[in-house]
């Protein structure tokens, strides 16, 4: 069984909390860290944009990625939210056991 970290940003803490709480309550994620004051620079609609965002670091099973993606997309304020996953290749086995027990 594989695990992953899903990164996603929002422009408000309220939206980050709403998404995070849903993921935890639905057992789609074991833990979500919300990091405030992330500066993001990107090109959108032909213009370079700089903005303050909140970064969600979501720990889940790889097998749940599609459900996590759908849950985020349905609740996210952006038309095109950043939703990217990175596999966890190693980790504390007791933490990974806990992650497994906290997700469906």
PDB file of N, CA and C in Angstrom:
ATOM      1  N   UNK A   1       0.845  -1.174   0.000  1.00  0.00           N
ATOM      2  CA  UNK A   1       0.000   0.000   0.000  1.00  0.00           C
ATOM      3  C   UNK A   1       0.889   1.235   0.000  1.00  0.00           C
ATOM      4  N   UNK A   2       0.607   2.183  -0.888  1.00  0.00           N
ATOM      5  CA  UNK A   2       1.393   3.391  -0.980  1.00  0.00           C
ATOM      6  C   UNK A   2       0.712   4.576  -0.320  1.00  0.00           C
ATOM      7  N   UNK A   3       1.531   5.523   0.070  1.00  0.00           N
ATOM      8  CA  UNK A   3       1.053   6.751   0.690  1.00  0.00           C
ATOM      9  C   UNK A   3       1.571   7.929  -0.106  1.00  0.00           C
ATOM     10  N   UNK A   4       0.922   9.084   0.045  1.00  0.00           N
ATOM     11  CA  UNK A   4       1.379  10.270  -0.659  1.00  0.00           C
ATOM     12  C   UNK A   4       1.067  11.528   0.135  1.00  0.00           C
ATOM     13  N   UNK A   5       1.738  12.589  -0.274  1.00  0.00           N
ATOM     14  CA  UNK A   5       1.471  13.925   0.242  1.00  0.00           C
ATOM     15  C   UNK A   5       0.866  14.716  -0.907  1.00  0.00           C
ATOM     16  N   UNK A   6      -0.296  15.289  -0.661  1.00  0.00           N
ATOM     17  CA  UNK A   6      -0.971  16.107  -1.662  1.00  0.00           C
ATOM     18  C   UNK A   6      -0.812  17.566  -1.230  1.00  0.00           C
ATOM     19  N   UNK A   7      -0.301  18.390  -2.117  1.00  0.00           N
ATOM     20  CA  UNK A   7      -0.183  19.824  -1.859  1.00  0.00           C
ATOM     21  C   UNK A   7      -1.299  20.560  -2.578  1.00  0.00           C
ATOM     22  N   UNK A   8      -1.837  21.555  -1.888  1.00  0.00           N
ATOM     23  CA  UNK A   8      -2.894  22.385  -2.444  1.00  0.00           C
ATOM     24  C   UNK A   8      -2.823  23.744  -1.763  1.00  0.00           C
ATOM     25  N   UNK A   9      -3.046  24.810  -2.518  1.00  0.00           N
ATOM     26  CA  UNK A   9      -3.049  26.148  -1.937  1.00  0.00           C
ATOM     27  C   UNK A   9      -4.429  26.791  -2.083  1.00  0.00           C
ATOM     28  N   UNK A  10      -4.745  27.677  -1.140  1.00  0.00           N
ATOM     29  CA  UNK A  10      -5.960  28.481  -1.189  1.00  0.00           C
ATOM     30  C   UNK A  10      -5.591  29.918  -0.852  1.00  0.00           C
ATOM     31  N   UNK A  11      -6.491  30.833  -1.152  1.00  0.00           N
ATOM     32  CA  UNK A  11      -6.193  32.230  -0.831  1.00  0.00           C
ATOM     33  C   UNK A  11      -6.700  32.632   0.554  1.00  0.00           C
ATOM     34  N   UNK A  12      -7.523  31.769   1.174  1.00  0.00           N
ATOM     35  CA  UNK A  12      -8.042  32.107   2.497  1.00  0.00           C
ATOM     36  C   UNK A  12      -7.875  30.945   3.470  1.00  0.00           C
ATOM     37  N   UNK A  13      -7.711  31.291   4.731  1.00  0.00           N
ATOM     38  CA  UNK A  13      -7.626  30.272   5.776  1.00  0.00           C
ATOM     39  C   UNK A  13      -8.964  29.548   5.907  1.00  0.00           C
ATOM     40  N   UNK A  14     -10.054  30.281   5.720  1.00  0.00           N
ATOM     41  CA  UNK A  14     -11.386  29.681   5.829  1.00  0.00           C
ATOM     42  C   UNK A  14     -11.547  28.538   4.829  1.00  0.00           C
ATOM     43  N   UNK A  15     -11.151  28.765   3.577  1.00  0.00           N
ATOM     44  CA  UNK A  15     -11.266  27.729   2.553  1.00  0.00           C
ATOM     45  C   UNK A  15     -10.338  26.556   2.867  1.00  0.00           C
ATOM     46  N   UNK A  16      -9.131  26.842   3.327  1.00  0.00           N
ATOM     47  CA  UNK A  16      -8.194  25.778   3.699  1.00  0.00           C
ATOM     48  C   UNK A  16      -8.753  24.936   4.843  1.00  0.00           C
ATOM     49  N   UNK A  17      -9.347  25.575   5.831  1.00  0.00           N
ATOM     50  CA  UNK A  17      -9.934  24.850   6.968  1.00  0.00           C
ATOM     51  C   UNK A  17     -11.132  24.017   6.532  1.00  0.00           C
ATOM     52  N   UNK A  18     -11.978  24.592   5.685  1.00  0.00           N
ATOM     53  CA  UNK A  18     -13.162  23.870   5.200  1.00  0.00           C
ATOM     54  C   UNK A  18     -12.749  22.586   4.477  1.00  0.00           C
ATOM     55  N   UNK A  19     -11.793  22.703   3.585  1.00  0.00           N
ATOM     56  CA  UNK A  19     -11.316  21.538   2.831  1.00  0.00           C
ATOM     57  C   UNK A  19     -10.658  20.533   3.770  1.00  0.00           C
ATOM     58  N   UNK A  20      -9.786  21.014   4.647  1.00  0.00           N
ATOM     59  CA  UNK A  20      -9.057  20.132   5.571  1.00  0.00           C
ATOM     60  C   UNK A  20      -9.999  19.363   6.488  1.00  0.00           C
ATOM     61  N   UNK A  21     -10.946  20.074   7.065  1.00  0.00           N
ATOM     62  CA  UNK A  21     -11.891  19.420   7.978  1.00  0.00           C
ATOM     63  C   UNK A  21     -12.719  18.362   7.256  1.00  0.00           C
ATOM     64  N   UNK A  22     -13.129  18.655   6.015  1.00  0.00           N
ATOM     65  CA  UNK A  22     -13.888  17.656   5.254  1.00  0.00           C
ATOM     66  C   UNK A  22     -13.028  16.409   5.000  1.00  0.00           C
ATOM     67  N   UNK A  23     -11.780  16.610   4.589  1.00  0.00           N
ATOM     68  CA  UNK A  23     -10.900  15.475   4.303  1.00  0.00           C
ATOM     69  C   UNK A  23     -10.683  14.604   5.540  1.00  0.00           C
ATOM     70  N   UNK A  24     -10.513  15.237   6.692  1.00  0.00           N
ATOM     71  CA  UNK A  24     -10.299  14.482   7.932  1.00  0.00           C
ATOM     72  C   UNK A  24     -11.589  13.779   8.362  1.00  0.00           C
ATOM     73  N   UNK A  25     -12.695  14.507   8.376  1.00  0.00           N
ATOM     74  CA  UNK A  25     -13.972  13.904   8.791  1.00  0.00           C
ATOM     75  C   UNK A  25     -14.393  12.756   7.885  1.00  0.00           C
ATOM     76  N   UNK A  26     -14.066  12.849   6.602  1.00  0.00           N
ATOM     77  CA  UNK A  26     -14.416  11.805   5.636  1.00  0.00           C
ATOM     78  C   UNK A  26     -13.400  10.673   5.596  1.00  0.00           C
ATOM     79  N   UNK A  27     -12.348  10.788   6.392  1.00  0.00           N
ATOM     80  CA  UNK A  27     -11.267   9.796   6.445  1.00  0.00           C
ATOM     81  C   UNK A  27     -10.550   9.656   5.100  1.00  0.00           C
ATOM     82  N   UNK A  28     -10.548  10.752   4.334  1.00  0.00           N
ATOM     83  CA  UNK A  28      -9.792  10.767   3.076  1.00  0.00           C
ATOM     84  C   UNK A  28      -8.343  11.180   3.319  1.00  0.00           C
ATOM     85  N   UNK A  29      -8.069  11.737   4.484  1.00  0.00           N
ATOM     86  CA  UNK A  29      -6.713  12.119   4.869  1.00  0.00           C
ATOM     87  C   UNK A  29      -6.562  11.877   6.367  1.00  0.00           C
ATOM     88  N   UNK A  30      -5.345  11.577   6.775  1.00  0.00           N
ATOM     89  CA  UNK A  30      -5.068  11.365   8.197  1.00  0.00           C
ATOM     90  C   UNK A  30      -4.673  12.665   8.874  1.00  0.00           C
ATOM     91  N   UNK A  31      -4.038  13.559   8.117  1.00  0.00           N
ATOM     92  CA  UNK A  31      -3.529  14.803   8.679  1.00  0.00           C
ATOM     93  C   UNK A  31      -3.406  15.837   7.574  1.00  0.00           C
ATOM     94  N   UNK A  32      -3.716  17.077   7.918  1.00  0.00           N
ATOM     95  CA  UNK A  32      -3.500  18.196   6.995  1.00  0.00           C
ATOM     96  C   UNK A  32      -2.795  19.297   7.773  1.00  0.00           C
ATOM     97  N   UNK A  33      -1.633  19.693   7.297  1.00  0.00           N
ATOM     98  CA  UNK A  33      -0.947  20.860   7.855  1.00  0.00           C
ATOM     99  C   UNK A  33      -1.329  22.056   7.005  1.00  0.00           C
ATOM    100  N   UNK A  34      -1.640  23.157   7.654  1.00  0.00           N
ATOM    101  CA  UNK A  34      -1.950  24.393   6.935  1.00  0.00           C
ATOM    102  C   UNK A  34      -0.847  25.398   7.260  1.00  0.00           C
ATOM    103  N   UNK A  35      -0.122  25.795   6.224  1.00  0.00           N
ATOM    104  CA  UNK A  35       0.997  26.720   6.378  1.00  0.00           C
ATOM    105  C   UNK A  35       0.551  28.086   5.857  1.00  0.00           C
ATOM    106  N   UNK A  36       0.509  29.103   6.738  1.00  0.00           N
ATOM    107  CA  UNK A  36       0.074  30.435   6.307  1.00  0.00           C
ATOM    108  C   UNK A  36       1.206  31.214   5.644  1.00  0.00           C
ATOM    109  N   UNK A  37       0.820  32.302   5.004  1.00  0.00           N
ATOM    110  CA  UNK A  37       1.780  33.282   4.468  1.00  0.00           C
ATOM    111  C   UNK A  37       2.754  32.717   3.434  1.00  0.00           C
ATOM    112  N   UNK A  38       2.266  31.831   2.605  1.00  0.00           N
ATOM    113  CA  UNK A  38       3.077  31.323   1.494  1.00  0.00           C
ATOM    114  C   UNK A  38       2.939  32.332   0.352  1.00  0.00           C
ATOM    115  N   UNK A  39       4.044  32.756  -0.204  1.00  0.00           N
ATOM    116  CA  UNK A  39       4.009  33.662  -1.350  1.00  0.00           C
ATOM    117  C   UNK A  39       4.091  32.815  -2.615  1.00  0.00           C
ATOM    118  N   UNK A  40       3.088  32.937  -3.460  1.00  0.00           N
ATOM    119  CA  UNK A  40       3.057  32.200  -4.719  1.00  0.00           C
ATOM    120  C   UNK A  40       3.201  33.181  -5.879  1.00  0.00           C
ATOM    121  N   UNK A  41       4.042  32.816  -6.839  1.00  0.00           N
ATOM    122  CA  UNK A  41       4.238  33.600  -8.055  1.00  0.00           C
ATOM    123  C   UNK A  41       3.958  32.668  -9.223  1.00  0.00           C
ATOM    124  N   UNK A  42       3.045  33.084 -10.104  1.00  0.00           N
ATOM    125  CA  UNK A  42       2.655  32.237 -11.226  1.00  0.00           C
ATOM    126  C   UNK A  42       2.065  33.106 -12.329  1.00  0.00           C
ATOM    127  N   UNK A  43       1.908  32.501 -13.485  1.00  0.00           N
ATOM    128  CA  UNK A  43       1.304  33.209 -14.606  1.00  0.00           C
ATOM    129  C   UNK A  43      -0.132  32.723 -14.745  1.00  0.00           C
ATOM    130  N   UNK A  44      -1.071  33.679 -14.772  1.00  0.00           N
ATOM    131  CA  UNK A  44      -2.484  33.353 -14.915  1.00  0.00           C
ATOM    132  C   UNK A  44      -3.110  34.327 -15.897  1.00  0.00           C
ATOM    133  N   UNK A  45      -3.743  33.780 -16.921  1.00  0.00           N
ATOM    134  CA  UNK A  45      -4.389  34.564 -17.970  1.00  0.00           C
ATOM    135  C   UNK A  45      -3.433  35.599 -18.564  1.00  0.00           C
ATOM    136  N   UNK A  46      -2.185  35.158 -18.796  1.00  0.00           N
ATOM    137  CA  UNK A  46      -1.190  35.980 -19.464  1.00  0.00           C
ATOM    138  C   UNK A  46      -0.461  36.984 -18.594  1.00  0.00           C
ATOM    139  N   UNK A  47      -0.781  37.025 -17.304  1.00  0.00           N
ATOM    140  CA  UNK A  47      -0.139  37.990 -16.413  1.00  0.00           C
ATOM    141  C   UNK A  47       0.577  37.270 -15.275  1.00  0.00           C
ATOM    142  N   UNK A  48       1.714  37.819 -14.871  1.00  0.00           N
ATOM    143  CA  UNK A  48       2.412  37.293 -13.707  1.00  0.00           C
ATOM    144  C   UNK A  48       1.684  37.802 -12.460  1.00  0.00           C
ATOM    145  N   UNK A  49       1.338  36.871 -11.606  1.00  0.00           N
ATOM    146  CA  UNK A  49       0.579  37.166 -10.398  1.00  0.00           C
ATOM    147  C   UNK A  49       1.409  36.778  -9.187  1.00  0.00           C
ATOM    148  N   UNK A  50       1.346  37.596  -8.155  1.00  0.00           N
ATOM    149  CA  UNK A  50       1.979  37.277  -6.873  1.00  0.00           C
ATOM    150  C   UNK A  50       0.907  37.395  -5.816  1.00  0.00           C
ATOM    151  N   UNK A  51       0.793  36.374  -4.979  1.00  0.00           N
ATOM    152  CA  UNK A  51      -0.242  36.424  -3.951  1.00  0.00           C
ATOM    153  C   UNK A  51       0.129  35.649  -2.707  1.00  0.00           C
ATOM    154  N   UNK A  52      -0.507  36.038  -1.618  1.00  0.00           N
ATOM    155  CA  UNK A  52      -0.376  35.316  -0.351  1.00  0.00           C
ATOM    156  C   UNK A  52      -1.361  34.151  -0.370  1.00  0.00           C
ATOM    157  N   UNK A  53      -0.881  32.977  -0.009  1.00  0.00           N
ATOM    158  CA  UNK A  53      -1.743  31.810   0.011  1.00  0.00           C
ATOM    159  C   UNK A  53      -1.501  30.984   1.271  1.00  0.00           C
ATOM    160  N   UNK A  54      -2.382  30.025   1.471  1.00  0.00           N
ATOM    161  CA  UNK A  54      -2.261  29.043   2.541  1.00  0.00           C
ATOM    162  C   UNK A  54      -1.983  27.699   1.871  1.00  0.00           C
ATOM    163  N   UNK A  55      -0.918  27.038   2.297  1.00  0.00           N
ATOM    164  CA  UNK A  55      -0.529  25.751   1.730  1.00  0.00           C
ATOM    165  C   UNK A  55      -1.064  24.632   2.608  1.00  0.00           C
ATOM    166  N   UNK A  56      -1.820  23.731   1.999  1.00  0.00           N
ATOM    167  CA  UNK A  56      -2.268  22.530   2.695  1.00  0.00           C
ATOM    168  C   UNK A  56      -1.340  21.382   2.311  1.00  0.00           C
ATOM    169  N   UNK A  57      -0.814  20.709   3.315  1.00  0.00           N
ATOM    170  CA  UNK A  57       0.034  19.533   3.126  1.00  0.00           C
ATOM    171  C   UNK A  57      -0.795  18.362   3.654  1.00  0.00           C
ATOM    172  N   UNK A  58      -1.299  17.566   2.727  1.00  0.00           N
ATOM    173  CA  UNK A  58      -2.293  16.542   3.024  1.00  0.00           C
ATOM    174  C   UNK A  58      -1.644  15.161   2.967  1.00  0.00           C
ATOM    175  N   UNK A  59      -1.722  14.395   4.059  1.00  0.00           N
ATOM    176  CA  UNK A  59      -1.173  13.043   4.089  1.00  0.00           C
ATOM    177  C   UNK A  59      -2.299  12.034   3.915  1.00  0.00           C
ATOM    178  N   UNK A  60      -2.139  11.154   2.919  1.00  0.00           N
ATOM    179  CA  UNK A  60      -3.196  10.198   2.598  1.00  0.00           C
ATOM    180  C   UNK A  60      -2.611   8.961   1.921  1.00  0.00           C
ATOM    181  N   UNK A  61      -3.491   8.041   1.560  1.00  0.00           N
ATOM    182  CA  UNK A  61      -3.101   6.865   0.775  1.00  0.00           C
ATOM    183  C   UNK A  61      -3.132   7.236  -0.702  1.00  0.00           C
ATOM    184  N   UNK A  62      -2.219   6.670  -1.474  1.00  0.00           N
ATOM    185  CA  UNK A  62      -2.229   6.905  -2.924  1.00  0.00           C
ATOM    186  C   UNK A  62      -3.557   6.467  -3.536  1.00  0.00           C
ATOM    187  N   UNK A  63      -4.128   5.401  -3.015  1.00  0.00           N
ATOM    188  CA  UNK A  63      -5.386   4.882  -3.561  1.00  0.00           C
ATOM    189  C   UNK A  63      -6.561   5.848  -3.367  1.00  0.00           C
ATOM    190  N   UNK A  64      -6.398   6.833  -2.479  1.00  0.00           N
ATOM    191  CA  UNK A  64      -7.465   7.805  -2.232  1.00  0.00           C
ATOM    192  C   UNK A  64      -7.294   9.095  -3.021  1.00  0.00           C
ATOM    193  N   UNK A  65      -6.237   9.199  -3.828  1.00  0.00           N
ATOM    194  CA  UNK A  65      -5.952  10.459  -4.503  1.00  0.00           C
ATOM    195  C   UNK A  65      -7.144  10.988  -5.304  1.00  0.00           C
ATOM    196  N   UNK A  66      -7.782  10.167  -6.108  1.00  0.00           N
ATOM    197  CA  UNK A  66      -8.902  10.643  -6.944  1.00  0.00           C
ATOM    198  C   UNK A  66     -10.042  11.197  -6.083  1.00  0.00           C
ATOM    199  N   UNK A  67     -10.328  10.543  -4.948  1.00  0.00           N
ATOM    200  CA  UNK A  67     -11.383  11.027  -4.056  1.00  0.00           C
ATOM    201  C   UNK A  67     -10.967  12.336  -3.385  1.00  0.00           C
ATOM    202  N   UNK A  68      -9.701  12.438  -3.004  1.00  0.00           N
ATOM    203  CA  UNK A  68      -9.187  13.677  -2.416  1.00  0.00           C
ATOM    204  C   UNK A  68      -9.276  14.805  -3.439  1.00  0.00           C
ATOM    205  N   UNK A  69      -8.835  14.519  -4.658  1.00  0.00           N
ATOM    206  CA  UNK A  69      -8.893  15.511  -5.733  1.00  0.00           C
ATOM    207  C   UNK A  69     -10.321  16.001  -5.950  1.00  0.00           C
ATOM    208  N   UNK A  70     -11.269  15.080  -5.999  1.00  0.00           N
ATOM    209  CA  UNK A  70     -12.680  15.442  -6.207  1.00  0.00           C
ATOM    210  C   UNK A  70     -13.203  16.284  -5.049  1.00  0.00           C
ATOM    211  N   UNK A  71     -12.883  15.881  -3.827  1.00  0.00           N
ATOM    212  CA  UNK A  71     -13.348  16.620  -2.645  1.00  0.00           C
ATOM    213  C   UNK A  71     -12.791  18.041  -2.632  1.00  0.00           C
ATOM    214  N   UNK A  72     -11.519  18.185  -2.981  1.00  0.00           N
ATOM    215  CA  UNK A  72     -10.916  19.523  -3.026  1.00  0.00           C
ATOM    216  C   UNK A  72     -11.567  20.354  -4.112  1.00  0.00           C
ATOM    217  N   UNK A  73     -11.679  19.801  -5.306  1.00  0.00           N
ATOM    218  CA  UNK A  73     -12.246  20.531  -6.443  1.00  0.00           C
ATOM    219  C   UNK A  73     -13.660  21.027  -6.137  1.00  0.00           C
ATOM    220  N   UNK A  74     -14.465  20.206  -5.473  1.00  0.00           N
ATOM    221  CA  UNK A  74     -15.846  20.574  -5.155  1.00  0.00           C
ATOM    222  C   UNK A  74     -15.942  21.699  -4.125  1.00  0.00           C
ATOM    223  N   UNK A  75     -14.914  21.869  -3.304  1.00  0.00           N
ATOM    224  CA  UNK A  75     -14.961  22.839  -2.211  1.00  0.00           C
ATOM    225  C   UNK A  75     -14.018  24.025  -2.398  1.00  0.00           C
ATOM    226  N   UNK A  76     -13.222  23.992  -3.440  1.00  0.00           N
ATOM    227  CA  UNK A  76     -12.175  24.996  -3.616  1.00  0.00           C
ATOM    228  C   UNK A  76     -12.700  26.264  -4.255  1.00  0.00           C
ATOM    229  N   UNK A  77     -12.146  27.386  -3.842  1.00  0.00           N
ATOM    230  CA  UNK A  77     -12.561  28.690  -4.356  1.00  0.00           C
ATOM    231  C   UNK A  77     -11.993  29.001  -5.740  1.00  0.00           C
ATOM    232  N   UNK A  78     -10.907  28.342  -6.136  1.00  0.00           N
ATOM    233  CA  UNK A  78     -10.273  28.621  -7.424  1.00  0.00           C
ATOM    234  C   UNK A  78     -10.923  27.814  -8.541  1.00  0.00           C
ATOM    235  N   UNK A  79     -10.941  28.372  -9.741  1.00  0.00           N
ATOM    236  CA  UNK A  79     -11.415  27.645 -10.919  1.00  0.00           C
ATOM    237  C   UNK A  79     -10.460  26.504 -11.262  1.00  0.00           C
ATOM    238  N   UNK A  80      -9.170  26.698 -10.991  1.00  0.00           N
ATOM    239  CA  UNK A  80      -8.151  25.689 -11.283  1.00  0.00           C
ATOM    240  C   UNK A  80      -7.215  25.556 -10.085  1.00  0.00           C
ATOM    241  N   UNK A  81      -7.624  24.759  -9.080  1.00  0.00           N
ATOM    242  CA  UNK A  81      -6.772  24.618  -7.897  1.00  0.00           C
ATOM    243  C   UNK A  81      -5.543  23.749  -8.169  1.00  0.00           C
ATOM    244  N   UNK A  82      -4.470  24.099  -7.485  1.00  0.00           N
ATOM    245  CA  UNK A  82      -3.263  23.255  -7.503  1.00  0.00           C
ATOM    246  C   UNK A  82      -3.559  22.028  -6.653  1.00  0.00           C
ATOM    247  N   UNK A  83      -3.480  20.863  -7.259  1.00  0.00           N
ATOM    248  CA  UNK A  83      -3.650  19.600  -6.534  1.00  0.00           C
ATOM    249  C   UNK A  83      -2.589  18.654  -7.096  1.00  0.00           C
ATOM    250  N   UNK A  84      -1.490  18.501  -6.379  1.00  0.00           N
ATOM    251  CA  UNK A  84      -0.404  17.653  -6.851  1.00  0.00           C
ATOM    252  C   UNK A  84       0.026  16.698  -5.741  1.00  0.00           C
ATOM    253  N   UNK A  85       0.333  15.476  -6.137  1.00  0.00           N
ATOM    254  CA  UNK A  85       0.714  14.455  -5.166  1.00  0.00           C
ATOM    255  C   UNK A  85       2.163  14.028  -5.371  1.00  0.00           C
ATOM    256  N   UNK A  86       2.807  13.776  -4.251  1.00  0.00           N
ATOM    257  CA  UNK A  86       4.167  13.255  -4.234  1.00  0.00           C
ATOM    258  C   UNK A  86       4.146  11.967  -3.419  1.00  0.00           C
ATOM    259  N   UNK A  87       4.682  10.878  -3.953  1.00  0.00           N
ATOM    260  CA  UNK A  87       4.675   9.634  -3.180  1.00  0.00           C
ATOM    261  C   UNK A  87       5.586   9.729  -1.960  1.00  0.00           C
ATOM    262  N   UNK A  88       5.166   9.096  -0.897  1.00  0.00           N
ATOM    263  CA  UNK A  88       6.015   8.939   0.286  1.00  0.00           C
ATOM    264  C   UNK A  88       6.790   7.648   0.071  1.00  0.00           C
ATOM    265  N   UNK A  89       8.081   7.765  -0.113  1.00  0.00           N
ATOM    266  CA  UNK A  89       8.872   6.564  -0.405  1.00  0.00           C
ATOM    267  C   UNK A  89       9.401   5.886   0.857  1.00  0.00           C
ATOM    268  N   UNK A  90       9.519   6.648   1.938  1.00  0.00           N
ATOM    269  CA  UNK A  90       9.929   6.090   3.224  1.00  0.00           C
ATOM    270  C   UNK A  90       9.305   6.923   4.321  1.00  0.00           C
ATOM    271  N   UNK A  91       9.152   6.319   5.477  1.00  0.00           N
ATOM    272  CA  UNK A  91       8.600   7.054   6.609  1.00  0.00           C
ATOM    273  C   UNK A  91       8.642   6.209   7.867  1.00  0.00           C
ATOM    274  N   UNK A  92       8.448   6.865   8.985  1.00  0.00           N
ATOM    275  CA  UNK A  92       8.380   6.173  10.268  1.00  0.00           C
ATOM    276  C   UNK A  92       7.255   5.147  10.201  1.00  0.00           C
ATOM    277  N   UNK A  93       7.567   3.888  10.451  1.00  0.00           N
ATOM    278  CA  UNK A  93       6.555   2.846  10.242  1.00  0.00           C
ATOM    279  C   UNK A  93       5.359   2.998  11.171  1.00  0.00           C
ATOM    280  N   UNK A  94       5.565   3.504  12.387  1.00  0.00           N
ATOM    281  CA  UNK A  94       4.439   3.717  13.290  1.00  0.00           C
ATOM    282  C   UNK A  94       3.555   4.862  12.800  1.00  0.00           C
ATOM    283  N   UNK A  95       4.164   5.905  12.231  1.00  0.00           N
ATOM    284  CA  UNK A  95       3.382   7.006  11.665  1.00  0.00           C
ATOM    285  C   UNK A  95       2.568   6.507  10.468  1.00  0.00           C
ATOM    286  N   UNK A  96       3.198   5.720   9.596  1.00  0.00           N
ATOM    287  CA  UNK A  96       2.486   5.205   8.422  1.00  0.00           C
ATOM    288  C   UNK A  96       1.361   4.250   8.834  1.00  0.00           C
ATOM    289  N   UNK A  97       1.590   3.500   9.899  1.00  0.00           N
ATOM    290  CA  UNK A  97       0.538   2.619  10.422  1.00  0.00           C
ATOM    291  C   UNK A  97      -0.643   3.463  10.911  1.00  0.00           C
ATOM    292  N   UNK A  98      -0.341   4.569  11.602  1.00  0.00           N
ATOM    293  CA  UNK A  98      -1.387   5.480  12.059  1.00  0.00           C
ATOM    294  C   UNK A  98      -2.116   6.090  10.867  1.00  0.00           C
ATOM    295  N   UNK A  99      -1.359   6.541   9.844  1.00  0.00           N
ATOM    296  CA  UNK A  99      -1.957   7.119   8.642  1.00  0.00           C
ATOM    297  C   UNK A  99      -2.943   6.135   8.025  1.00  0.00           C
ATOM    298  N   UNK A 100      -2.538   4.876   7.953  1.00  0.00           N
ATOM    299  CA  UNK A 100      -3.410   3.848   7.385  1.00  0.00           C
ATOM    300  C   UNK A 100      -4.684   3.686   8.221  1.00  0.00           C
ATOM    301  N   UNK A 101      -4.538   3.711   9.546  1.00  0.00           N
ATOM    302  CA  UNK A 101      -5.698   3.509  10.420  1.00  0.00           C
ATOM    303  C   UNK A 101      -6.673   4.685  10.401  1.00  0.00           C
ATOM    304  N   UNK A 102      -6.216   5.865  10.027  1.00  0.00           N
ATOM    305  CA  UNK A 102      -7.054   7.065  10.042  1.00  0.00           C
ATOM    306  C   UNK A 102      -7.739   7.353   8.704  1.00  0.00           C
ATOM    307  N   UNK A 103      -7.470   6.520   7.698  1.00  0.00           N
ATOM    308  CA  UNK A 103      -8.075   6.721   6.380  1.00  0.00           C
ATOM    309  C   UNK A 103      -8.881   5.480   5.990  1.00  0.00           C
ATOM    310  N   UNK A 104      -9.799   5.687   5.047  1.00  0.00           N
ATOM    311  CA  UNK A 104     -10.658   4.568   4.614  1.00  0.00           C
ATOM    312  C   UNK A 104      -9.914   3.644   3.678  1.00  0.00           C
TER     313      UNK A 104
END
